[in-house]
C-alpha cells in the first residue's frame, strides 16, 4: 500500500477527527473511502459530460430515426419483462 502525505486545514483536520471518533474508524480509512467515492464521482461526471456532448452533436432527425428503429426492441424487452414478472408473481 502506498503512503501519501497531505496537508489539511485545522478545521478539516478537526472535522476528520470528529468523524473518526463518531464512527470509530481510523482517519486513514475515512480518507480512503472518501477518495474512492470522489474518484468514482469524477469518472461518472466525465462520462456524463461525454454523453452530453455526443447527444448534442447528433442531428435531431437522426436521433428520432434511431429511436424509432429501436422501438420494436424496447417493446419486446418490456413484453418479456412483463411476462417474466407474471411467472414470478406469487
PDB file of N, CA and C in Angstrom:
ATOM      1  N   UNK A   1       0.851  -1.167   0.000  1.00  0.00           N
ATOM      2  CA  UNK A   1       0.000   0.000   0.000  1.00  0.00           C
ATOM      3  C   UNK A   1       0.898   1.232   0.000  1.00  0.00           C
ATOM      4  N   UNK A   2       0.552   2.206  -0.815  1.00  0.00           N
ATOM      5  CA  UNK A   2       1.321   3.438  -0.905  1.00  0.00           C
ATOM      6  C   UNK A   2       0.988   4.363   0.260  1.00  0.00           C
ATOM      7  N   UNK A   3       1.933   5.232   0.560  1.00  0.00           N
ATOM      8  CA  UNK A   3       1.732   6.241   1.586  1.00  0.00           C
ATOM      9  C   UNK A   3       1.708   7.596   0.908  1.00  0.00           C
ATOM     10  N   UNK A   4       0.679   8.389   1.242  1.00  0.00           N
ATOM     11  CA  UNK A   4       0.531   9.731   0.692  1.00  0.00           C
ATOM     12  C   UNK A   4       0.430  10.697   1.855  1.00  0.00           C
ATOM     13  N   UNK A   5       1.107  11.804   1.729  1.00  0.00           N
ATOM     14  CA  UNK A   5       1.050  12.823   2.771  1.00  0.00           C
ATOM     15  C   UNK A   5       0.284  14.027   2.238  1.00  0.00           C
ATOM     16  N   UNK A   6      -0.698  14.509   3.010  1.00  0.00           N
ATOM     17  CA  UNK A   6      -1.450  15.692   2.605  1.00  0.00           C
ATOM     18  C   UNK A   6      -1.511  16.673   3.769  1.00  0.00           C
ATOM     19  N   UNK A   7      -1.705  17.925   3.436  1.00  0.00           N
ATOM     20  CA  UNK A   7      -1.867  18.961   4.459  1.00  0.00           C
ATOM     21  C   UNK A   7      -3.352  19.318   4.536  1.00  0.00           C
ATOM     22  N   UNK A   8      -3.866  19.338   5.753  1.00  0.00           N
ATOM     23  CA  UNK A   8      -5.267  19.681   5.983  1.00  0.00           C
ATOM     24  C   UNK A   8      -5.347  20.957   6.799  1.00  0.00           C
ATOM     25  N   UNK A   9      -6.366  21.750   6.509  1.00  0.00           N
ATOM     26  CA  UNK A   9      -6.605  22.917   7.344  1.00  0.00           C
ATOM     27  C   UNK A   9      -6.965  22.430   8.741  1.00  0.00           C
ATOM     28  N   UNK A  10      -6.831  23.318   9.713  1.00  0.00           N
ATOM     29  CA  UNK A  10      -7.165  22.942  11.084  1.00  0.00           C
ATOM     30  C   UNK A  10      -8.630  22.509  11.171  1.00  0.00           C
ATOM     31  N   UNK A  11      -9.504  23.257  10.490  1.00  0.00           N
ATOM     32  CA  UNK A  11     -10.933  22.934  10.511  1.00  0.00           C
ATOM     33  C   UNK A  11     -11.199  21.552   9.923  1.00  0.00           C
ATOM     34  N   UNK A  12     -10.597  21.251   8.774  1.00  0.00           N
ATOM     35  CA  UNK A  12     -10.808  19.953   8.133  1.00  0.00           C
ATOM     36  C   UNK A  12     -10.235  18.823   8.979  1.00  0.00           C
ATOM     37  N   UNK A  13      -9.093  19.063   9.569  1.00  0.00           N
ATOM     38  CA  UNK A  13      -8.481  18.060  10.437  1.00  0.00           C
ATOM     39  C   UNK A  13      -9.372  17.769  11.642  1.00  0.00           C
ATOM     40  N   UNK A  14      -9.961  18.811  12.200  1.00  0.00           N
ATOM     41  CA  UNK A  14     -10.868  18.651  13.343  1.00  0.00           C
ATOM     42  C   UNK A  14     -12.117  17.879  12.938  1.00  0.00           C
ATOM     43  N   UNK A  15     -12.675  18.229  11.781  1.00  0.00           N
ATOM     44  CA  UNK A  15     -13.868  17.517  11.290  1.00  0.00           C
ATOM     45  C   UNK A  15     -13.560  16.042  11.053  1.00  0.00           C
ATOM     46  N   UNK A  16     -12.393  15.761  10.492  1.00  0.00           N
ATOM     47  CA  UNK A  16     -11.982  14.375  10.251  1.00  0.00           C
ATOM     48  C   UNK A  16     -11.824  13.621  11.571  1.00  0.00           C
ATOM     49  N   UNK A  17     -11.187  14.236  12.535  1.00  0.00           N
ATOM     50  CA  UNK A  17     -11.002  13.598  13.843  1.00  0.00           C
ATOM     51  C   UNK A  17     -12.354  13.344  14.515  1.00  0.00           C
ATOM     52  N   UNK A  18     -13.268  14.305  14.391  1.00  0.00           N
ATOM     53  CA  UNK A  18     -14.602  14.121  14.973  1.00  0.00           C
ATOM     54  C   UNK A  18     -15.323  12.946  14.313  1.00  0.00           C
ATOM     55  N   UNK A  19     -15.255  12.872  12.994  1.00  0.00           N
ATOM     56  CA  UNK A  19     -15.921  11.774  12.273  1.00  0.00           C
ATOM     57  C   UNK A  19     -15.294  10.434  12.648  1.00  0.00           C
ATOM     58  N   UNK A  20     -13.980  10.407  12.787  1.00  0.00           N
ATOM     59  CA  UNK A  20     -13.303   9.170  13.186  1.00  0.00           C
ATOM     60  C   UNK A  20     -13.769   8.726  14.569  1.00  0.00           C
ATOM     61  N   UNK A  21     -13.948   9.686  15.463  1.00  0.00           N
ATOM     62  CA  UNK A  21     -14.388   9.346  16.818  1.00  0.00           C
ATOM     63  C   UNK A  21     -15.830   8.840  16.815  1.00  0.00           C
ATOM     64  N   UNK A  22     -16.695   9.509  16.040  1.00  0.00           N
ATOM     65  CA  UNK A  22     -18.110   9.125  15.995  1.00  0.00           C
ATOM     66  C   UNK A  22     -18.288   7.746  15.374  1.00  0.00           C
ATOM     67  N   UNK A  23     -17.557   7.472  14.298  1.00  0.00           N
ATOM     68  CA  UNK A  23     -17.727   6.204  13.580  1.00  0.00           C
ATOM     69  C   UNK A  23     -16.820   5.102  14.097  1.00  0.00           C
ATOM     70  N   UNK A  24     -15.896   5.477  14.974  1.00  0.00           N
ATOM     71  CA  UNK A  24     -14.916   4.522  15.494  1.00  0.00           C
ATOM     72  C   UNK A  24     -14.100   3.883  14.368  1.00  0.00           C
ATOM     73  N   UNK A  25     -13.765   4.714  13.380  1.00  0.00           N
ATOM     74  CA  UNK A  25     -12.939   4.274  12.261  1.00  0.00           C
ATOM     75  C   UNK A  25     -11.655   5.101  12.242  1.00  0.00           C
ATOM     76  N   UNK A  26     -10.573   4.512  11.785  1.00  0.00           N
ATOM     77  CA  UNK A  26      -9.335   5.293  11.657  1.00  0.00           C
ATOM     78  C   UNK A  26      -9.498   6.399  10.601  1.00  0.00           C
ATOM     79  N   UNK A  27      -8.812   7.501  10.834  1.00  0.00           N
ATOM     80  CA  UNK A  27      -8.869   8.614   9.886  1.00  0.00           C
ATOM     81  C   UNK A  27      -8.407   8.168   8.504  1.00  0.00           C
ATOM     82  N   UNK A  28      -7.399   7.321   8.445  1.00  0.00           N
ATOM     83  CA  UNK A  28      -6.891   6.870   7.141  1.00  0.00           C
ATOM     84  C   UNK A  28      -7.958   6.098   6.370  1.00  0.00           C
ATOM     85  N   UNK A  29      -8.772   5.300   7.063  1.00  0.00           N
ATOM     86  CA  UNK A  29      -9.857   4.561   6.405  1.00  0.00           C
ATOM     87  C   UNK A  29     -10.902   5.532   5.869  1.00  0.00           C
ATOM     88  N   UNK A  30     -11.274   6.521   6.679  1.00  0.00           N
ATOM     89  CA  UNK A  30     -12.242   7.518   6.223  1.00  0.00           C
ATOM     90  C   UNK A  30     -11.735   8.252   4.985  1.00  0.00           C
ATOM     91  N   UNK A  31     -10.466   8.599   4.975  1.00  0.00           N
ATOM     92  CA  UNK A  31      -9.886   9.294   3.823  1.00  0.00           C
ATOM     93  C   UNK A  31      -9.874   8.394   2.587  1.00  0.00           C
ATOM     94  N   UNK A  32      -9.530   7.120   2.768  1.00  0.00           N
ATOM     95  CA  UNK A  32      -9.544   6.194   1.623  1.00  0.00           C
ATOM     96  C   UNK A  32     -10.951   6.053   1.060  1.00  0.00           C
ATOM     97  N   UNK A  33     -11.938   5.884   1.948  1.00  0.00           N
ATOM     98  CA  UNK A  33     -13.320   5.755   1.493  1.00  0.00           C
ATOM     99  C   UNK A  33     -13.771   7.010   0.751  1.00  0.00           C
ATOM    100  N   UNK A  34     -13.418   8.163   1.283  1.00  0.00           N
ATOM    101  CA  UNK A  34     -13.794   9.428   0.635  1.00  0.00           C
ATOM    102  C   UNK A  34     -13.123   9.556  -0.722  1.00  0.00           C
ATOM    103  N   UNK A  35     -11.872   9.143  -0.819  1.00  0.00           N
ATOM    104  CA  UNK A  35     -11.153   9.236  -2.086  1.00  0.00           C
ATOM    105  C   UNK A  35     -11.741   8.286  -3.133  1.00  0.00           C
ATOM    106  N   UNK A  36     -12.108   7.097  -2.724  1.00  0.00           N
ATOM    107  CA  UNK A  36     -12.750   6.151  -3.646  1.00  0.00           C
ATOM    108  C   UNK A  36     -14.050   6.737  -4.182  1.00  0.00           C
ATOM    109  N   UNK A  37     -14.862   7.306  -3.297  1.00  0.00           N
ATOM    110  CA  UNK A  37     -16.125   7.928  -3.724  1.00  0.00           C
ATOM    111  C   UNK A  37     -15.875   9.115  -4.652  1.00  0.00           C
ATOM    112  N   UNK A  38     -14.890   9.934  -4.315  1.00  0.00           N
ATOM    113  CA  UNK A  38     -14.579  11.110  -5.127  1.00  0.00           C
ATOM    114  C   UNK A  38     -14.137  10.700  -6.527  1.00  0.00           C
ATOM    115  N   UNK A  39     -13.243   9.729  -6.611  1.00  0.00           N
ATOM    116  CA  UNK A  39     -12.745   9.297  -7.920  1.00  0.00           C
ATOM    117  C   UNK A  39     -13.853   8.658  -8.754  1.00  0.00           C
ATOM    118  N   UNK A  40     -14.736   7.899  -8.125  1.00  0.00           N
ATOM    119  CA  UNK A  40     -15.867   7.308  -8.852  1.00  0.00           C
ATOM    120  C   UNK A  40     -16.785   8.403  -9.377  1.00  0.00           C
ATOM    121  N   UNK A  41     -17.036   9.436  -8.552  1.00  0.00           N
ATOM    122  CA  UNK A  41     -17.890  10.549  -8.975  1.00  0.00           C
ATOM    123  C   UNK A  41     -17.245  11.325 -10.127  1.00  0.00           C
ATOM    124  N   UNK A  42     -15.939  11.519 -10.055  1.00  0.00           N
ATOM    125  CA  UNK A  42     -15.231  12.212 -11.140  1.00  0.00           C
ATOM    126  C   UNK A  42     -15.365  11.434 -12.448  1.00  0.00           C
ATOM    127  N   UNK A  43     -15.185  10.113 -12.377  1.00  0.00           N
ATOM    128  CA  UNK A  43     -15.292   9.274 -13.572  1.00  0.00           C
ATOM    129  C   UNK A  43     -16.703   9.328 -14.139  1.00  0.00           C
ATOM    130  N   UNK A  44     -17.711   9.231 -13.251  1.00  0.00           N
ATOM    131  CA  UNK A  44     -19.103   9.299 -13.687  1.00  0.00           C
ATOM    132  C   UNK A  44     -19.413  10.651 -14.327  1.00  0.00           C
ATOM    133  N   UNK A  45     -18.929  11.722 -13.719  1.00  0.00           N
ATOM    134  CA  UNK A  45     -19.180  13.058 -14.256  1.00  0.00           C
ATOM    135  C   UNK A  45     -18.542  13.241 -15.632  1.00  0.00           C
ATOM    136  N   UNK A  46     -17.342  12.682 -15.820  1.00  0.00           N
ATOM    137  CA  UNK A  46     -16.695  12.756 -17.144  1.00  0.00           C
ATOM    138  C   UNK A  46     -17.502  11.983 -18.180  1.00  0.00           C
ATOM    139  N   UNK A  47     -18.011  10.813 -17.804  1.00  0.00           N
ATOM    140  CA  UNK A  47     -18.821  10.016 -18.727  1.00  0.00           C
ATOM    141  C   UNK A  47     -20.095  10.763 -19.093  1.00  0.00           C
ATOM    142  N   UNK A  48     -20.749  11.355 -18.114  1.00  0.00           N
ATOM    143  CA  UNK A  48     -21.968  12.119 -18.384  1.00  0.00           C
ATOM    144  C   UNK A  48     -21.664  13.287 -19.312  1.00  0.00           C
ATOM    145  N   UNK A  49     -20.550  13.961 -19.094  1.00  0.00           N
ATOM    146  CA  UNK A  49     -20.173  15.078 -19.961  1.00  0.00           C
ATOM    147  C   UNK A  49     -19.924  14.598 -21.389  1.00  0.00           C
ATOM    148  N   UNK A  50     -19.259  13.455 -21.538  1.00  0.00           N
ATOM    149  CA  UNK A  50     -19.024  12.898 -22.869  1.00  0.00           C
ATOM    150  C   UNK A  50     -20.338  12.532 -23.544  1.00  0.00           C
ATOM    151  N   UNK A  51     -21.224  11.894 -22.804  1.00  0.00           N
ATOM    152  CA  UNK A  51     -22.530  11.523 -23.371  1.00  0.00           C
ATOM    153  C   UNK A  51     -23.333  12.760 -23.754  1.00  0.00           C
ATOM    154  N   UNK A  52     -23.251  13.798 -22.933  1.00  0.00           N
ATOM    155  CA  UNK A  52     -23.958  15.043 -23.224  1.00  0.00           C
ATOM    156  C   UNK A  52     -23.423  15.675 -24.500  1.00  0.00           C
ATOM    157  N   UNK A  53     -22.098  15.701 -24.644  1.00  0.00           N
ATOM    158  CA  UNK A  53     -21.501  16.258 -25.867  1.00  0.00           C
ATOM    159  C   UNK A  53     -21.890  15.431 -27.085  1.00  0.00           C
ATOM    160  N   UNK A  54     -21.880  14.098 -26.929  1.00  0.00           N
ATOM    161  CA  UNK A  54     -22.248  13.230 -28.052  1.00  0.00           C
ATOM    162  C   UNK A  54     -23.714  13.418 -28.424  1.00  0.00           C
ATOM    163  N   UNK A  55     -24.579  13.546 -27.423  1.00  0.00           N
ATOM    164  CA  UNK A  55     -26.005  13.730 -27.697  1.00  0.00           C
ATOM    165  C   UNK A  55     -26.251  15.071 -28.367  1.00  0.00           C
ATOM    166  N   UNK A  56     -25.518  16.087 -27.958  1.00  0.00           N
ATOM    167  CA  UNK A  56     -25.693  17.408 -28.565  1.00  0.00           C
ATOM    168  C   UNK A  56     -25.229  17.423 -30.014  1.00  0.00           C
ATOM    169  N   UNK A  57     -24.298  16.536 -30.338  1.00  0.00           N
ATOM    170  CA  UNK A  57     -23.756  16.503 -31.698  1.00  0.00           C
ATOM    171  C   UNK A  57     -24.647  15.733 -32.668  1.00  0.00           C
ATOM    172  N   UNK A  58     -25.598  14.967 -32.154  1.00  0.00           N
ATOM    173  CA  UNK A  58     -26.463  14.153 -33.007  1.00  0.00           C
ATOM    174  C   UNK A  58     -27.582  15.029 -33.576  1.00  0.00           C
ATOM    175  N   UNK A  59     -27.791  14.897 -34.847  1.00  0.00           N
ATOM    176  CA  UNK A  59     -28.887  15.594 -35.520  1.00  0.00           C
ATOM    177  C   UNK A  59     -30.208  15.074 -34.968  1.00  0.00           C
ATOM    178  N   UNK A  60     -31.162  15.965 -34.710  1.00  0.00           N
ATOM    179  CA  UNK A  60     -32.427  15.541 -34.101  1.00  0.00           C
ATOM    180  C   UNK A  60     -33.192  14.566 -34.988  1.00  0.00           C
ATOM    181  N   UNK A  61     -33.109  14.753 -36.302  1.00  0.00           N
ATOM    182  CA  UNK A  61     -33.793  13.802 -37.193  1.00  0.00           C
ATOM    183  C   UNK A  61     -33.146  12.430 -37.114  1.00  0.00           C
ATOM    184  N   UNK A  62     -31.819  12.424 -37.027  1.00  0.00           N
ATOM    185  CA  UNK A  62     -31.105  11.147 -36.898  1.00  0.00           C
ATOM    186  C   UNK A  62     -31.454  10.476 -35.568  1.00  0.00           C
ATOM    187  N   UNK A  63     -31.520  11.263 -34.503  1.00  0.00           N
ATOM    188  CA  UNK A  63     -31.864  10.719 -33.192  1.00  0.00           C
ATOM    189  C   UNK A  63     -33.270  10.138 -33.204  1.00  0.00           C
ATOM    190  N   UNK A  64     -34.208  10.841 -33.831  1.00  0.00           N
ATOM    191  CA  UNK A  64     -35.584  10.343 -33.910  1.00  0.00           C
ATOM    192  C   UNK A  64     -35.640   9.053 -34.714  1.00  0.00           C
ATOM    193  N   UNK A  65     -34.866   8.972 -35.791  1.00  0.00           N
ATOM    194  CA  UNK A  65     -34.841   7.759 -36.604  1.00  0.00           C
ATOM    195  C   UNK A  65     -34.266   6.591 -35.811  1.00  0.00           C
ATOM    196  N   UNK A  66     -33.221   6.846 -35.031  1.00  0.00           N
ATOM    197  CA  UNK A  66     -32.626   5.787 -34.211  1.00  0.00           C
ATOM    198  C   UNK A  66     -33.613   5.315 -33.138  1.00  0.00           C
ATOM    199  N   UNK A  67     -34.312   6.258 -32.522  1.00  0.00           N
ATOM    200  CA  UNK A  67     -35.299   5.897 -31.501  1.00  0.00           C
ATOM    201  C   UNK A  67     -36.425   5.081 -32.113  1.00  0.00           C
ATOM    202  N   UNK A  68     -36.880   5.479 -33.288  1.00  0.00           N
ATOM    203  CA  UNK A  68     -37.954   4.744 -33.958  1.00  0.00           C
ATOM    204  C   UNK A  68     -37.489   3.337 -34.324  1.00  0.00           C
ATOM    205  N   UNK A  69     -36.248   3.230 -34.747  1.00  0.00           N
ATOM    206  CA  UNK A  69     -35.692   1.926 -35.112  1.00  0.00           C
ATOM    207  C   UNK A  69     -35.590   1.015 -33.889  1.00  0.00           C
ATOM    208  N   UNK A  70     -35.297   1.598 -32.727  1.00  0.00           N
ATOM    209  CA  UNK A  70     -35.119   0.801 -31.504  1.00  0.00           C
ATOM    210  C   UNK A  70     -36.445   0.464 -30.835  1.00  0.00           C
ATOM    211  N   UNK A  71     -37.514   1.150 -31.189  1.00  0.00           N
ATOM    212  CA  UNK A  71     -38.798   0.967 -30.519  1.00  0.00           C
ATOM    213  C   UNK A  71     -39.287  -0.481 -30.486  1.00  0.00           C
ATOM    214  N   UNK A  72     -39.222  -1.241 -31.581  1.00  0.00           N
ATOM    215  CA  UNK A  72     -39.680  -2.637 -31.501  1.00  0.00           C
ATOM    216  C   UNK A  72     -38.891  -3.462 -30.485  1.00  0.00           C
ATOM    217  N   UNK A  73     -37.589  -3.187 -30.361  1.00  0.00           N
ATOM    218  CA  UNK A  73     -36.770  -3.926 -29.403  1.00  0.00           C
ATOM    219  C   UNK A  73     -37.129  -3.533 -27.976  1.00  0.00           C
ATOM    220  N   UNK A  74     -37.399  -2.232 -27.775  1.00  0.00           N
ATOM    221  CA  UNK A  74     -37.830  -1.785 -26.455  1.00  0.00           C
ATOM    222  C   UNK A  74     -39.144  -2.450 -26.071  1.00  0.00           C
ATOM    223  N   UNK A  75     -40.091  -2.483 -27.014  1.00  0.00           N
ATOM    224  CA  UNK A  75     -41.382  -3.106 -26.745  1.00  0.00           C
ATOM    225  C   UNK A  75     -41.229  -4.592 -26.452  1.00  0.00           C
ATOM    226  N   UNK A  76     -40.360  -5.261 -27.200  1.00  0.00           N
ATOM    227  CA  UNK A  76     -40.130  -6.685 -26.973  1.00  0.00           C
ATOM    228  C   UNK A  76     -39.533  -6.914 -25.584  1.00  0.00           C
ATOM    229  N   UNK A  77     -38.585  -6.075 -25.208  1.00  0.00           N
ATOM    230  CA  UNK A  77     -37.970  -6.208 -23.886  1.00  0.00           C
ATOM    231  C   UNK A  77     -38.995  -5.976 -22.785  1.00  0.00           C
ATOM    232  N   UNK A  78     -39.863  -4.986 -22.974  1.00  0.00           N
ATOM    233  CA  UNK A  78     -40.927  -4.744 -21.998  1.00  0.00           C
ATOM    234  C   UNK A  78     -41.860  -5.938 -21.887  1.00  0.00           C
ATOM    235  N   UNK A  79     -42.246  -6.489 -23.034  1.00  0.00           N
ATOM    236  CA  UNK A  79     -43.148  -7.638 -23.038  1.00  0.00           C
ATOM    237  C   UNK A  79     -42.505  -8.827 -22.329  1.00  0.00           C
ATOM    238  N   UNK A  80     -41.232  -9.058 -22.599  1.00  0.00           N
ATOM    239  CA  UNK A  80     -40.536 -10.168 -21.936  1.00  0.00           C
ATOM    240  C   UNK A  80     -40.460  -9.932 -20.437  1.00  0.00           C
ATOM    241  N   UNK A  81     -40.175  -8.694 -20.053  1.00  0.00           N
ATOM    242  CA  UNK A  81     -40.102  -8.372 -18.633  1.00  0.00           C
ATOM    243  C   UNK A  81     -41.430  -8.546 -17.930  1.00  0.00           C
ATOM    244  N   UNK A  82     -42.481  -8.118 -18.598  1.00  0.00           N
ATOM    245  CA  UNK A  82     -43.817  -8.269 -18.010  1.00  0.00           C
ATOM    246  C   UNK A  82     -44.202  -9.734 -17.892  1.00  0.00           C
ATOM    247  N   UNK A  83     -43.931 -10.525 -18.926  1.00  0.00           N
ATOM    248  CA  UNK A  83     -44.299 -11.932 -18.846  1.00  0.00           C
ATOM    249  C   UNK A  83     -43.449 -12.658 -17.794  1.00  0.00           C
ATOM    250  N   UNK A  84     -42.201 -12.285 -17.654  1.00  0.00           N
ATOM    251  CA  UNK A  84     -41.368 -12.894 -16.609  1.00  0.00           C
ATOM    252  C   UNK A  84     -41.890 -12.519 -15.234  1.00  0.00           C
ATOM    253  N   UNK A  85     -42.351 -11.276 -15.078  1.00  0.00           N
ATOM    254  CA  UNK A  85     -42.916 -10.839 -13.812  1.00  0.00           C
ATOM    255  C   UNK A  85     -44.181 -11.597 -13.458  1.00  0.00           C
ATOM    256  N   UNK A  86     -44.976 -11.897 -14.462  1.00  0.00           N
ATOM    257  CA  UNK A  86     -46.205 -12.656 -14.224  1.00  0.00           C
ATOM    258  C   UNK A  86     -45.877 -14.079 -13.788  1.00  0.00           C
ATOM    259  N   UNK A  87     -44.813 -14.651 -14.357  1.00  0.00           N
ATOM    260  CA  UNK A  87     -44.418 -16.016 -13.969  1.00  0.00           C
ATOM    261  C   UNK A  87     -43.898 -16.024 -12.533  1.00  0.00           C
ATOM    262  N   UNK A  88     -43.204 -14.937 -12.145  1.00  0.00           N
ATOM    263  CA  UNK A  88     -42.586 -14.894 -10.832  1.00  0.00           C
ATOM    264  C   UNK A  88     -43.553 -14.433  -9.737  1.00  0.00           C
ATOM    265  N   UNK A  89     -44.724 -13.927 -10.113  1.00  0.00           N
ATOM    266  CA  UNK A  89     -45.681 -13.402  -9.117  1.00  0.00           C
ATOM    267  C   UNK A  89     -46.247 -14.546  -8.301  1.00  0.00           C
ATOM    268  N   UNK A  90     -46.444 -14.297  -6.996  1.00  0.00           N
ATOM    269  CA  UNK A  90     -46.994 -15.367  -6.141  1.00  0.00           C
ATOM    270  C   UNK A  90     -48.450 -15.603  -6.394  1.00  0.00           C
TER     271      UNK A  90
END
